[in-house]
Amino acid sequence: AQPAEYPEQEIRYAIEHPTGGRGLEDIISPDQK
C-alpha cells in the first residue's frame, strides 16, 4: 500500500470532509469543555 505523501494534509482533509453527521464547525462552541 502507498502511504500518504503528506500525512497532515490527509488528516486535515478528513476532518474537514466528515463522513456522516456534523462537521466540527457545527459541533464546537467557545463555552464547551
PDB file of all heavy atoms in Angstrom:
ATOM      1  N   ALA A   1       0.839  -1.196   0.000  1.00  0.00           N
ATOM      2  CA  ALA A   1       0.000   0.000   0.000  1.00  0.00           C
ATOM      3  C   ALA A   1       0.872   1.244   0.000  1.00  0.00           C
ATOM      4  O   ALA A   1       1.925   1.277   0.651  1.00  0.00           O
ATOM      5  CB  ALA A   1      -0.929   0.012   1.207  1.00  0.00           C
ATOM      6  N   GLN A   2       0.440   2.265  -0.696  1.00  0.00           N
ATOM      7  CA  GLN A   2       1.193   3.514  -0.777  1.00  0.00           C
ATOM      8  C   GLN A   2       0.839   4.403   0.412  1.00  0.00           C
ATOM      9  O   GLN A   2      -0.325   4.770   0.601  1.00  0.00           O
ATOM     10  CB  GLN A   2       0.872   4.243  -2.082  1.00  0.00           C
ATOM     11  CG  GLN A   2       1.759   5.448  -2.385  1.00  0.00           C
ATOM     12  CD  GLN A   2       3.195   5.076  -2.656  1.00  0.00           C
ATOM     13  OE1 GLN A   2       3.490   4.010  -3.199  1.00  0.00           O
ATOM     14  NE2 GLN A   2       4.112   5.941  -2.248  1.00  0.00           N
ATOM     15  N   PRO A   3       1.813   4.754   1.257  1.00  0.00           N
ATOM     16  CA  PRO A   3       1.498   5.662   2.367  1.00  0.00           C
ATOM     17  C   PRO A   3       1.173   7.060   1.855  1.00  0.00           C
ATOM     18  O   PRO A   3       1.545   7.442   0.739  1.00  0.00           O
ATOM     19  CB  PRO A   3       2.787   5.658   3.193  1.00  0.00           C
ATOM     20  CG  PRO A   3       3.864   5.259   2.251  1.00  0.00           C
ATOM     21  CD  PRO A   3       3.235   4.350   1.252  1.00  0.00           C
ATOM     22  N   ALA A   4       0.466   7.811   2.674  1.00  0.00           N
ATOM     23  CA  ALA A   4       0.125   9.186   2.316  1.00  0.00           C
ATOM     24  C   ALA A   4       1.391  10.014   2.158  1.00  0.00           C
ATOM     25  O   ALA A   4       2.282   9.974   3.016  1.00  0.00           O
ATOM     26  CB  ALA A   4      -0.774   9.794   3.382  1.00  0.00           C
ATOM     27  N   GLU A   5       1.476  10.776   1.072  1.00  0.00           N
ATOM     28  CA  GLU A   5       2.665  11.587   0.835  1.00  0.00           C
ATOM     29  C   GLU A   5       2.774  12.718   1.847  1.00  0.00           C
ATOM     30  O   GLU A   5       3.853  13.053   2.328  1.00  0.00           O
ATOM     31  CB  GLU A   5       2.641  12.144  -0.584  1.00  0.00           C
ATOM     32  CG  GLU A   5       3.909  12.883  -0.973  1.00  0.00           C
ATOM     33  CD  GLU A   5       3.918  13.300  -2.442  1.00  0.00           C
ATOM     34  OE1 GLU A   5       2.892  13.062  -3.134  1.00  0.00           O
ATOM     35  OE2 GLU A   5       4.947  13.858  -2.895  1.00  0.00           O
ATOM     36  N   TYR A   6       1.605  13.274   2.203  1.00  0.00           N
ATOM     37  CA  TYR A   6       1.556  14.375   3.164  1.00  0.00           C
ATOM     38  C   TYR A   6       0.546  14.013   4.257  1.00  0.00           C
ATOM     39  O   TYR A   6      -0.643  14.354   4.145  1.00  0.00           O
ATOM     40  CB  TYR A   6       1.176  15.675   2.469  1.00  0.00           C
ATOM     41  CG  TYR A   6       2.113  16.068   1.346  1.00  0.00           C
ATOM     42  CD1 TYR A   6       1.749  15.895   0.016  1.00  0.00           C
ATOM     43  CD2 TYR A   6       3.362  16.577   1.634  1.00  0.00           C
ATOM     44  CE1 TYR A   6       2.604  16.243  -1.010  1.00  0.00           C
ATOM     45  CE2 TYR A   6       4.244  16.930   0.609  1.00  0.00           C
ATOM     46  CZ  TYR A   6       3.861  16.758  -0.700  1.00  0.00           C
ATOM     47  OH  TYR A   6       4.730  17.103  -1.726  1.00  0.00           O
ATOM     48  N   PRO A   7       0.985  13.330   5.325  1.00  0.00           N
ATOM     49  CA  PRO A   7       0.048  12.840   6.353  1.00  0.00           C
ATOM     50  C   PRO A   7      -0.818  13.925   6.969  1.00  0.00           C
ATOM     51  O   PRO A   7      -2.022  13.720   7.174  1.00  0.00           O
ATOM     52  CB  PRO A   7       0.983  12.206   7.393  1.00  0.00           C
ATOM     53  CG  PRO A   7       2.207  11.815   6.624  1.00  0.00           C
ATOM     54  CD  PRO A   7       2.365  12.879   5.585  1.00  0.00           C
ATOM     55  N   GLU A   8      -0.215  15.081   7.269  1.00  0.00           N
ATOM     56  CA  GLU A   8      -1.002  16.155   7.895  1.00  0.00           C
ATOM     57  C   GLU A   8      -2.119  16.626   6.983  1.00  0.00           C
ATOM     58  O   GLU A   8      -3.232  16.919   7.448  1.00  0.00           O
ATOM     59  CB  GLU A   8      -0.102  17.333   8.277  1.00  0.00           C
ATOM     60  CG  GLU A   8       0.857  17.050   9.427  1.00  0.00           C
ATOM     61  CD  GLU A   8       2.130  16.382   8.981  1.00  0.00           C
ATOM     62  OE1 GLU A   8       2.274  16.106   7.748  1.00  0.00           O
ATOM     63  OE2 GLU A   8       3.016  16.106   9.827  1.00  0.00           O
ATOM     64  N   GLN A   9      -1.864  16.690   5.696  1.00  0.00           N
ATOM     65  CA  GLN A   9      -2.906  17.093   4.751  1.00  0.00           C
ATOM     66  C   GLN A   9      -4.021  16.050   4.681  1.00  0.00           C
ATOM     67  O   GLN A   9      -5.201  16.387   4.580  1.00  0.00           O
ATOM     68  CB  GLN A   9      -2.302  17.329   3.367  1.00  0.00           C
ATOM     69  CG  GLN A   9      -1.420  18.562   3.267  1.00  0.00           C
ATOM     70  CD  GLN A   9      -0.925  18.817   1.850  1.00  0.00           C
ATOM     71  OE1 GLN A   9      -1.475  18.291   0.884  1.00  0.00           O
ATOM     72  NE2 GLN A   9       0.124  19.615   1.721  1.00  0.00           N
ATOM     73  N   GLU A  10      -3.646  14.789   4.737  1.00  0.00           N
ATOM     74  CA  GLU A  10      -4.625  13.709   4.730  1.00  0.00           C
ATOM     75  C   GLU A  10      -5.534  13.806   5.958  1.00  0.00           C
ATOM     76  O   GLU A  10      -6.756  13.634   5.867  1.00  0.00           O
ATOM     77  CB  GLU A  10      -3.909  12.356   4.709  1.00  0.00           C
ATOM     78  CG  GLU A  10      -4.820  11.153   4.523  1.00  0.00           C
ATOM     79  CD  GLU A  10      -5.239  10.931   3.089  1.00  0.00           C
ATOM     80  OE1 GLU A  10      -4.545  11.414   2.165  1.00  0.00           O
ATOM     81  OE2 GLU A  10      -6.266  10.271   2.876  1.00  0.00           O
ATOM     82  N   ILE A  11      -4.940  14.086   7.109  1.00  0.00           N
ATOM     83  CA  ILE A  11      -5.705  14.222   8.350  1.00  0.00           C
ATOM     84  C   ILE A  11      -6.639  15.428   8.267  1.00  0.00           C
ATOM     85  O   ILE A  11      -7.822  15.344   8.604  1.00  0.00           O
ATOM     86  CB  ILE A  11      -4.743  14.346   9.550  1.00  0.00           C
ATOM     87  CG1 ILE A  11      -3.929  13.055   9.717  1.00  0.00           C
ATOM     88  CG2 ILE A  11      -5.519  14.672  10.826  1.00  0.00           C
ATOM     89  CD1 ILE A  11      -2.686  13.225  10.573  1.00  0.00           C
ATOM     90  N   ARG A  12      -6.098  16.551   7.821  1.00  0.00           N
ATOM     91  CA  ARG A  12      -6.891  17.781   7.737  1.00  0.00           C
ATOM     92  C   ARG A  12      -8.063  17.608   6.772  1.00  0.00           C
ATOM     93  O   ARG A  12      -9.193  18.044   7.067  1.00  0.00           O
ATOM     94  CB  ARG A  12      -6.000  18.944   7.300  1.00  0.00           C
ATOM     95  CG  ARG A  12      -6.711  20.307   7.322  1.00  0.00           C
ATOM     96  CD  ARG A  12      -5.742  21.457   7.055  1.00  0.00           C
ATOM     97  NE  ARG A  12      -4.800  21.624   8.154  1.00  0.00           N
ATOM     98  CZ  ARG A  12      -3.533  21.258   8.117  1.00  0.00           C
ATOM     99  NH1 ARG A  12      -3.024  20.707   7.024  1.00  0.00           N
ATOM    100  NH2 ARG A  12      -2.741  21.435   9.166  1.00  0.00           N
ATOM    101  N   TYR A  13      -7.819  16.989   5.632  1.00  0.00           N
ATOM    102  CA  TYR A  13      -8.880  16.797   4.653  1.00  0.00           C
ATOM    103  C   TYR A  13     -10.014  15.956   5.242  1.00  0.00           C
ATOM    104  O   TYR A  13     -11.200  16.265   5.058  1.00  0.00           O
ATOM    105  CB  TYR A  13      -8.330  16.130   3.394  1.00  0.00           C
ATOM    106  CG  TYR A  13      -9.380  15.970   2.306  1.00  0.00           C
ATOM    107  CD1 TYR A  13      -9.615  16.991   1.389  1.00  0.00           C
ATOM    108  CD2 TYR A  13     -10.155  14.817   2.218  1.00  0.00           C
ATOM    109  CE1 TYR A  13     -10.584  16.873   0.402  1.00  0.00           C
ATOM    110  CE2 TYR A  13     -11.125  14.683   1.240  1.00  0.00           C
ATOM    111  CZ  TYR A  13     -11.334  15.709   0.341  1.00  0.00           C
ATOM    112  OH  TYR A  13     -12.303  15.585  -0.629  1.00  0.00           O
ATOM    113  N   ALA A  14      -9.661  14.875   5.954  1.00  0.00           N
ATOM    114  CA  ALA A  14     -10.687  14.016   6.547  1.00  0.00           C
ATOM    115  C   ALA A  14     -11.513  14.775   7.574  1.00  0.00           C
ATOM    116  O   ALA A  14     -12.748  14.648   7.619  1.00  0.00           O
ATOM    117  CB  ALA A  14     -10.040  12.793   7.183  1.00  0.00           C
ATOM    118  N   ILE A  15     -10.858  15.569   8.422  1.00  0.00           N
ATOM    119  CA  ILE A  15     -11.566  16.345   9.438  1.00  0.00           C
ATOM    120  C   ILE A  15     -12.519  17.350   8.789  1.00  0.00           C
ATOM    121  O   ILE A  15     -13.644  17.545   9.255  1.00  0.00           O
ATOM    122  CB  ILE A  15     -10.563  17.057  10.365  1.00  0.00           C
ATOM    123  CG1 ILE A  15      -9.781  16.036  11.208  1.00  0.00           C
ATOM    124  CG2 ILE A  15     -11.287  18.039  11.280  1.00  0.00           C
ATOM    125  CD1 ILE A  15      -8.654  16.628  12.022  1.00  0.00           C
ATOM    126  N   GLU A  16     -12.071  17.955   7.711  1.00  0.00           N
ATOM    127  CA  GLU A  16     -12.878  18.988   7.052  1.00  0.00           C
ATOM    128  C   GLU A  16     -13.915  18.428   6.089  1.00  0.00           C
ATOM    129  O   GLU A  16     -14.769  19.186   5.597  1.00  0.00           O
ATOM    130  CB  GLU A  16     -11.945  19.964   6.334  1.00  0.00           C
ATOM    131  CG  GLU A  16     -11.079  20.769   7.298  1.00  0.00           C
ATOM    132  CD  GLU A  16     -10.100  21.703   6.616  1.00  0.00           C
ATOM    133  OE1 GLU A  16      -9.975  21.611   5.368  1.00  0.00           O
ATOM    134  OE2 GLU A  16      -9.461  22.513   7.309  1.00  0.00           O
ATOM    135  N   HIS A  17     -13.862  17.130   5.808  1.00  0.00           N
ATOM    136  CA  HIS A  17     -14.838  16.467   4.932  1.00  0.00           C
ATOM    137  C   HIS A  17     -15.358  15.216   5.645  1.00  0.00           C
ATOM    138  O   HIS A  17     -15.092  14.078   5.231  1.00  0.00           O
ATOM    139  CB  HIS A  17     -14.207  16.109   3.582  1.00  0.00           C
ATOM    140  CG  HIS A  17     -13.738  17.289   2.801  1.00  0.00           C
ATOM    141  ND1 HIS A  17     -12.527  17.906   3.055  1.00  0.00           N
ATOM    142  CD2 HIS A  17     -14.323  17.992   1.798  1.00  0.00           C
ATOM    143  CE1 HIS A  17     -12.377  18.927   2.229  1.00  0.00           C
ATOM    144  NE2 HIS A  17     -13.452  19.011   1.458  1.00  0.00           N
ATOM    145  N   PRO A  18     -16.090  15.391   6.740  1.00  0.00           N
ATOM    146  CA  PRO A  18     -16.522  14.247   7.556  1.00  0.00           C
ATOM    147  C   PRO A  18     -17.525  13.361   6.830  1.00  0.00           C
ATOM    148  O   PRO A  18     -18.271  13.805   5.958  1.00  0.00           O
ATOM    149  CB  PRO A  18     -17.152  14.909   8.782  1.00  0.00           C
ATOM    150  CG  PRO A  18     -17.599  16.250   8.296  1.00  0.00           C
ATOM    151  CD  PRO A  18     -16.584  16.675   7.284  1.00  0.00           C
ATOM    152  N   THR A  19     -17.521  12.103   7.221  1.00  0.00           N
ATOM    153  CA  THR A  19     -18.473  11.125   6.713  1.00  0.00           C
ATOM    154  C   THR A  19     -19.638  11.009   7.691  1.00  0.00           C
ATOM    155  O   THR A  19     -19.495  10.565   8.824  1.00  0.00           O
ATOM    156  CB  THR A  19     -17.813   9.740   6.560  1.00  0.00           C
ATOM    157  OG1 THR A  19     -16.717   9.830   5.643  1.00  0.00           O
ATOM    158  CG2 THR A  19     -18.829   8.721   6.053  1.00  0.00           C
ATOM    159  N   GLY A  20     -20.804  11.410   7.254  1.00  0.00           N
ATOM    160  CA  GLY A  20     -21.981  11.331   8.112  1.00  0.00           C
ATOM    161  C   GLY A  20     -21.913  12.344   9.260  1.00  0.00           C
ATOM    162  O   GLY A  20     -20.861  12.666   9.760  1.00  0.00           O
ATOM    163  N   GLY A  21     -23.031  12.841   9.682  1.00  0.00           N
ATOM    164  CA  GLY A  21     -23.056  13.728  10.831  1.00  0.00           C
ATOM    165  C   GLY A  21     -22.485  15.108  10.552  1.00  0.00           C
ATOM    166  O   GLY A  21     -22.182  15.491   9.428  1.00  0.00           O
ATOM    167  N   ARG A  22     -22.298  15.863  11.607  1.00  0.00           N
ATOM    168  CA  ARG A  22     -21.883  17.255  11.530  1.00  0.00           C
ATOM    169  C   ARG A  22     -20.369  17.411  11.489  1.00  0.00           C
ATOM    170  O   ARG A  22     -19.629  16.556  11.983  1.00  0.00           O
ATOM    171  CB  ARG A  22     -22.436  18.024  12.724  1.00  0.00           C
ATOM    172  CG  ARG A  22     -23.953  18.049  12.839  1.00  0.00           C
ATOM    173  CD  ARG A  22     -24.382  18.769  14.099  1.00  0.00           C
ATOM    174  NE  ARG A  22     -23.934  18.072  15.297  1.00  0.00           N
ATOM    175  CZ  ARG A  22     -23.904  18.607  16.510  1.00  0.00           C
ATOM    176  NH1 ARG A  22     -24.277  19.884  16.684  1.00  0.00           N
ATOM    177  NH2 ARG A  22     -23.485  17.892  17.549  1.00  0.00           N
ATOM    178  N   GLY A  23     -19.916  18.508  10.915  1.00  0.00           N
ATOM    179  CA  GLY A  23     -18.518  18.873  10.986  1.00  0.00           C
ATOM    180  C   GLY A  23     -18.208  19.538  12.314  1.00  0.00           C
ATOM    181  O   GLY A  23     -19.110  19.964  13.048  1.00  0.00           O
ATOM    182  N   LEU A  24     -16.914  19.672  12.638  1.00  0.00           N
ATOM    183  CA  LEU A  24     -16.527  20.273  13.912  1.00  0.00           C
ATOM    184  C   LEU A  24     -17.019  21.711  14.034  1.00  0.00           C
ATOM    185  O   LEU A  24     -17.342  22.173  15.131  1.00  0.00           O
ATOM    186  CB  LEU A  24     -15.008  20.217  14.074  1.00  0.00           C
ATOM    187  CG  LEU A  24     -14.416  18.829  14.343  1.00  0.00           C
ATOM    188  CD1 LEU A  24     -12.901  18.913  14.439  1.00  0.00           C
ATOM    189  CD2 LEU A  24     -14.989  18.227  15.615  1.00  0.00           C
ATOM    190  N   GLU A  25     -17.079  22.436  12.930  1.00  0.00           N
ATOM    191  CA  GLU A  25     -17.550  23.817  12.989  1.00  0.00           C
ATOM    192  C   GLU A  25     -19.013  23.899  13.440  1.00  0.00           C
ATOM    193  O   GLU A  25     -19.446  24.946  13.961  1.00  0.00           O
ATOM    194  CB  GLU A  25     -17.380  24.506  11.640  1.00  0.00           C
ATOM    195  CG  GLU A  25     -18.191  23.928  10.481  1.00  0.00           C
ATOM    196  CD  GLU A  25     -17.525  22.741   9.833  1.00  0.00           C
ATOM    197  OE1 GLU A  25     -16.469  22.274  10.336  1.00  0.00           O
ATOM    198  OE2 GLU A  25     -18.060  22.260   8.812  1.00  0.00           O
ATOM    199  N   ASP A  26     -19.757  22.810  13.275  1.00  0.00           N
ATOM    200  CA  ASP A  26     -21.157  22.771  13.721  1.00  0.00           C
ATOM    201  C   ASP A  26     -21.306  22.173  15.117  1.00  0.00           C
ATOM    202  O   ASP A  26     -22.395  22.186  15.687  1.00  0.00           O
ATOM    203  CB  ASP A  26     -22.009  21.959  12.737  1.00  0.00           C
ATOM    204  CG  ASP A  26     -22.008  22.557  11.340  1.00  0.00           C
ATOM    205  OD1 ASP A  26     -22.140  23.782  11.224  1.00  0.00           O
ATOM    206  OD2 ASP A  26     -21.855  21.786  10.367  1.00  0.00           O
ATOM    207  N   ILE A  27     -20.246  21.628  15.658  1.00  0.00           N
ATOM    208  CA  ILE A  27     -20.281  20.969  16.960  1.00  0.00           C
ATOM    209  C   ILE A  27     -19.717  21.859  18.051  1.00  0.00           C
ATOM    210  O   ILE A  27     -20.244  21.913  19.160  1.00  0.00           O
ATOM    211  CB  ILE A  27     -19.485  19.635  16.899  1.00  0.00           C
ATOM    212  CG1 ILE A  27     -20.166  18.659  15.937  1.00  0.00           C
ATOM    213  CG2 ILE A  27     -19.350  19.019  18.284  1.00  0.00           C
ATOM    214  CD1 ILE A  27     -19.343  17.411  15.661  1.00  0.00           C
ATOM    215  N   ILE A  28     -18.646  22.581  17.735  1.00  0.00           N
ATOM    216  CA  ILE A  28     -17.861  23.295  18.736  1.00  0.00           C
ATOM    217  C   ILE A  28     -18.412  24.691  18.990  1.00  0.00           C
ATOM    218  O   ILE A  28     -18.773  25.423  18.063  1.00  0.00           O
ATOM    219  CB  ILE A  28     -16.382  23.399  18.284  1.00  0.00           C
ATOM    220  CG1 ILE A  28     -15.793  22.016  18.014  1.00  0.00           C
ATOM    221  CG2 ILE A  28     -15.563  24.153  19.308  1.00  0.00           C
ATOM    222  CD1 ILE A  28     -15.816  21.097  19.200  1.00  0.00           C
ATOM    223  N   SER A  29     -18.468  25.067  20.267  1.00  0.00           N
ATOM    224  CA  SER A  29     -18.747  26.446  20.659  1.00  0.00           C
ATOM    225  C   SER A  29     -17.767  26.830  21.770  1.00  0.00           C
ATOM    226  O   SER A  29     -17.253  25.950  22.479  1.00  0.00           O
ATOM    227  CB  SER A  29     -20.196  26.613  21.114  1.00  0.00           C
ATOM    228  OG  SER A  29     -20.464  25.841  22.264  1.00  0.00           O
ATOM    229  N   PRO A  30     -17.498  28.121  21.962  1.00  0.00           N
ATOM    230  CA  PRO A  30     -16.423  28.538  22.876  1.00  0.00           C
ATOM    231  C   PRO A  30     -16.608  28.116  24.325  1.00  0.00           C
ATOM    232  O   PRO A  30     -15.633  27.978  25.060  1.00  0.00           O
ATOM    233  CB  PRO A  30     -16.438  30.068  22.744  1.00  0.00           C
ATOM    234  CG  PRO A  30     -17.032  30.332  21.400  1.00  0.00           C
ATOM    235  CD  PRO A  30     -18.060  29.265  21.214  1.00  0.00           C
ATOM    236  N   ASP A  31     -17.839  27.930  24.774  1.00  0.00           N
ATOM    237  CA  ASP A  31     -18.067  27.659  26.185  1.00  0.00           C
ATOM    238  C   ASP A  31     -18.033  26.165  26.527  1.00  0.00           C
ATOM    239  O   ASP A  31     -18.215  25.785  27.685  1.00  0.00           O
ATOM    240  CB  ASP A  31     -19.402  28.252  26.624  1.00  0.00           C
ATOM    241  CG  ASP A  31     -20.582  27.708  25.812  1.00  0.00           C
ATOM    242  OD1 ASP A  31     -20.349  27.255  24.669  1.00  0.00           O
ATOM    243  OD2 ASP A  31     -21.725  27.767  26.315  1.00  0.00           O
ATOM    244  N   GLN A  32     -17.806  25.317  25.536  1.00  0.00           N
ATOM    245  CA  GLN A  32     -17.855  23.878  25.774  1.00  0.00           C
ATOM    246  C   GLN A  32     -16.533  23.303  26.267  1.00  0.00           C
ATOM    247  O   GLN A  32     -15.458  23.708  25.821  1.00  0.00           O
ATOM    248  CB  GLN A  32     -18.256  23.145  24.483  1.00  0.00           C
ATOM    249  CG  GLN A  32     -19.692  23.394  24.039  1.00  0.00           C
ATOM    250  CD  GLN A  32     -19.941  22.798  22.681  1.00  0.00           C
ATOM    251  OE1 GLN A  32     -19.097  22.877  21.788  1.00  0.00           O
ATOM    252  NE2 GLN A  32     -21.106  22.206  22.495  1.00  0.00           N
ATOM    253  N   LYS A  33     -16.635  22.347  27.162  1.00  0.00           N
ATOM    254  CA  LYS A  33     -15.486  21.548  27.551  1.00  0.00           C
ATOM    255  C   LYS A  33     -15.368  20.363  26.584  1.00  0.00           C
ATOM    256  O   LYS A  33     -16.373  19.735  26.247  1.00  0.00           O
ATOM    257  CB  LYS A  33     -15.628  21.035  28.984  1.00  0.00           C
ATOM    258  CG  LYS A  33     -15.601  22.136  30.036  1.00  0.00           C
ATOM    259  CD  LYS A  33     -15.728  21.547  31.429  1.00  0.00           C
ATOM    260  CE  LYS A  33     -15.674  22.636  32.489  1.00  0.00           C
ATOM    261  NZ  LYS A  33     -15.831  22.067  33.871  1.00  0.00           N
TER     262      LYS A  33
END
